[in-house]
Amino acid sequence: MESAEQERDVDGLMGQFHDYLGKKQLKSTKQRDVIARKFFATDGHLSIEELLALARAENPRIGYATVYRTLKLLTECGLAAQRRFGEGQAMYETAGDTEHHDHLICIECDHVLEFTNDEIERLQEQVARSFGFDLVRHKLELYGMCPKARGIKGGSCPREEAEARD
């Protein structure tokens, strides 16, 4: 399986980020670059704390505020998308270079699973048209409980499985 960095053009995204910083007359710092590169190279959703841990693995001097401000810049320039699932903390994912997807969120372990389903997409378009809407964008978030949270004997938790793979 290819790493997220191989699947995604990290250098191209870094170039777009540097172009944005230049237009805003902001400096491209080593810390910002570490944070942005770690963000672009990671698949899925990241909290500020998770990105902070990844960045500190390369540079222990990176602070929370620097990660926060860098994610804010990445969001402003359209390279990151902020998501809030339920009452949870803000999560971020790389925007623009991934196909549309929807989310299943466990209300017990807070794990977020991404999925695509062509039939659901067609039905959403059909519903929108039936009300005279021309869809521009949408998001679908389904909340429930994973098998382990539901108490199914031998049921697994997707979050635990993902953490065991990492």
Protein backbone atom coordinates (compact mmCIF):
# COMPACT_ATOMS: atom_id res chain seq x y z
CA MET A 1 0.00 0.00 0.00
CA GLU A 2 1.34 3.44 -0.95
CA SER A 3 1.86 6.03 1.73
CA ALA A 4 -0.32 9.12 1.75
CA GLU A 5 2.72 11.18 0.71
CA GLN A 6 3.13 9.05 -2.43
CA GLU A 7 -0.58 9.25 -3.28
CA ARG A 8 -0.75 13.01 -2.82
CA ASP A 9 1.52 15.59 -4.47
CA VAL A 10 2.98 16.95 -1.22
CA ASP A 11 5.57 19.09 -3.04
CA GLY A 12 2.85 20.59 -5.24
CA LEU A 13 0.71 21.40 -2.23
CA MET A 14 3.73 22.91 -0.47
CA GLY A 15 4.29 25.09 -3.55
CA GLN A 16 0.69 26.30 -3.42
CA PHE A 17 1.10 27.07 0.29
CA HIS A 18 4.32 29.03 -0.33
CA ASP A 19 2.60 30.97 -3.15
CA TYR A 20 -0.21 31.90 -0.75
CA LEU A 21 2.23 32.98 1.95
CA GLY A 22 4.05 35.13 -0.62
CA LYS A 23 0.82 36.81 -1.73
CA LYS A 24 0.00 37.58 1.92
CA GLN A 25 3.57 38.79 2.50
CA LEU A 26 4.09 36.17 5.20
CA LYS A 27 7.31 34.31 5.85
CA SER A 28 7.79 30.67 4.99
CA THR A 29 9.40 29.32 8.16
CA LYS A 30 10.95 25.93 8.83
CA GLN A 31 8.33 25.23 11.51
CA ARG A 32 5.44 26.11 9.17
CA ASP A 33 6.97 23.88 6.50
CA VAL A 34 7.30 20.92 8.87
CA ILE A 35 3.68 21.32 9.99
CA ALA A 36 2.32 21.72 6.45
CA ARG A 37 4.36 18.80 5.07
CA LYS A 38 3.21 16.49 7.92
CA PHE A 39 -0.37 17.60 7.33
CA PHE A 40 -0.27 17.00 3.57
CA ALA A 41 1.44 13.63 4.01
CA THR A 42 -1.20 12.31 6.41
CA ASP A 43 -4.37 10.70 5.19
CA GLY A 44 -7.69 11.22 6.92
CA HIS A 45 -8.65 13.66 9.66
CA LEU A 46 -6.27 15.23 12.15
CA SER A 47 -6.84 17.27 15.26
CA ILE A 48 -4.48 20.10 16.15
CA GLU A 49 -3.06 17.90 18.92
CA GLU A 50 -2.41 14.99 16.53
CA LEU A 51 -0.67 17.26 14.03
CA LEU A 52 1.34 18.80 16.87
CA ALA A 53 2.59 15.34 17.87
CA LEU A 54 3.57 14.52 14.27
CA ALA A 55 5.39 17.83 13.86
CA ARG A 56 7.16 17.54 17.22
CA ALA A 57 8.50 14.14 16.18
CA GLU A 58 10.59 16.07 13.63
CA ASN A 59 11.04 19.31 15.58
CA PRO A 60 10.32 19.17 19.34
CA ARG A 61 10.34 22.99 19.57
CA ILE A 62 7.13 23.43 17.55
CA GLY A 63 4.35 24.82 19.72
CA TYR A 64 0.58 24.45 19.75
CA ALA A 65 0.01 28.06 18.66
CA THR A 66 2.23 27.59 15.59
CA VAL A 67 0.27 24.50 14.54
CA TYR A 68 -3.01 26.34 15.12
CA ARG A 69 -1.92 29.37 13.07
CA THR A 70 -0.52 27.18 10.28
CA LEU A 71 -3.79 25.21 10.02
CA LYS A 72 -5.67 28.51 9.93
CA LEU A 73 -3.51 29.65 7.00
CA LEU A 74 -3.93 26.31 5.22
CA THR A 75 -7.71 26.60 5.64
CA GLU A 76 -7.77 30.23 4.45
CA CYS A 77 -5.93 29.34 1.26
CA GLY A 78 -8.19 26.35 0.54
CA LEU A 79 -5.62 23.59 1.14
CA ALA A 80 -7.24 22.35 4.36
CA ALA A 81 -10.84 21.81 5.33
CA GLN A 82 -12.02 22.06 8.91
CA ARG A 83 -14.65 19.58 10.06
CA ARG A 84 -16.57 19.41 13.30
CA PHE A 85 -18.28 16.11 13.95
CA GLY A 86 -21.06 16.42 16.51
CA GLU A 87 -19.91 18.18 19.64
CA GLY A 88 -16.30 17.13 19.04
CA GLN A 89 -13.15 19.10 18.46
CA ALA A 90 -12.19 20.56 15.13
CA MET A 91 -10.61 18.08 12.74
CA TYR A 92 -8.74 18.95 9.55
CA GLU A 93 -8.25 17.15 6.25
CA THR A 94 -6.47 18.04 3.04
CA ALA A 95 -8.95 19.80 0.77
CA GLY A 96 -9.31 19.81 -2.95
CA ASP A 97 -7.15 16.86 -3.97
CA THR A 98 -9.39 14.12 -2.62
CA GLU A 99 -12.65 12.87 -4.01
CA HIS A 100 -15.87 13.70 -2.25
CA HIS A 101 -16.61 11.40 0.65
CA ASP A 102 -19.05 11.13 3.50
CA HIS A 103 -18.51 10.22 7.14
CA LEU A 104 -19.59 7.62 9.71
CA ILE A 105 -18.83 8.80 13.24
CA CYS A 106 -18.90 6.61 16.36
CA ILE A 107 -20.48 8.56 19.23
CA GLU A 108 -18.56 6.47 21.78
CA CYS A 109 -14.98 6.34 20.49
CA ASP A 110 -15.23 9.41 18.17
CA HIS A 111 -13.68 7.49 15.28
CA VAL A 112 -14.49 8.90 11.85
CA LEU A 113 -14.76 6.53 8.90
CA GLU A 114 -14.81 7.94 5.38
CA PHE A 115 -16.94 6.26 2.73
CA THR A 116 -18.32 6.81 -0.74
CA ASN A 117 -21.56 5.46 -2.13
CA ASP A 118 -22.76 6.30 -5.64
CA GLU A 119 -26.38 5.45 -4.84
CA ILE A 120 -26.46 7.88 -1.89
CA GLU A 121 -24.94 10.57 -4.11
CA ARG A 122 -27.61 10.00 -6.79
CA LEU A 123 -30.39 10.12 -4.18
CA GLN A 124 -29.10 13.38 -2.73
CA GLU A 125 -29.06 14.93 -6.21
CA GLN A 126 -32.59 13.63 -6.84
CA VAL A 127 -33.90 15.07 -3.55
CA ALA A 128 -32.26 18.43 -4.25
CA ARG A 129 -33.77 18.58 -7.76
CA SER A 130 -37.22 17.64 -6.41
CA PHE A 131 -37.11 20.83 -4.32
CA GLY A 132 -35.72 22.92 -7.19
CA PHE A 133 -32.17 23.03 -5.80
CA ASP A 134 -29.01 22.87 -7.85
CA LEU A 135 -26.46 21.31 -5.47
CA VAL A 136 -23.16 23.12 -5.16
CA ARG A 137 -21.73 21.06 -2.29
CA HIS A 138 -22.89 18.90 0.56
CA LYS A 139 -21.69 16.84 3.47
CA LEU A 140 -23.22 13.74 4.98
CA GLU A 141 -22.39 12.75 8.54
CA LEU A 142 -23.93 9.61 10.01
CA TYR A 143 -23.65 9.13 13.78
CA GLY A 144 -23.88 5.77 15.49
CA MET A 145 -21.89 3.25 17.44
CA CYS A 146 -19.17 0.93 16.19
CA PRO A 147 -19.53 -2.82 16.87
CA LYS A 148 -17.44 -2.70 20.06
CA ALA A 149 -19.36 0.30 21.42
CA ARG A 150 -22.63 -1.56 20.75
CA GLY A 151 -21.39 -4.44 22.89
CA ILE A 152 -21.31 -7.01 20.11
CA LYS A 153 -19.31 -10.00 21.28
CA GLY A 154 -16.00 -9.96 19.42
CA GLY A 155 -16.95 -6.60 17.90
CA SER A 156 -14.06 -4.40 16.96
CA CYS A 157 -13.45 -0.69 17.32
CA PRO A 158 -12.25 0.95 14.08
CA ARG A 159 -10.20 3.49 16.06
CA GLU A 160 -8.33 0.75 17.94
CA GLU A 161 -7.72 -1.15 14.71
CA ALA A 162 -6.34 1.98 13.02
CA GLU A 163 -4.07 2.75 15.98
CA ALA A 164 -2.79 -0.85 16.00
CA ARG A 165 -1.83 -0.53 12.30
CA ASP A 166 0.13 2.70 12.89
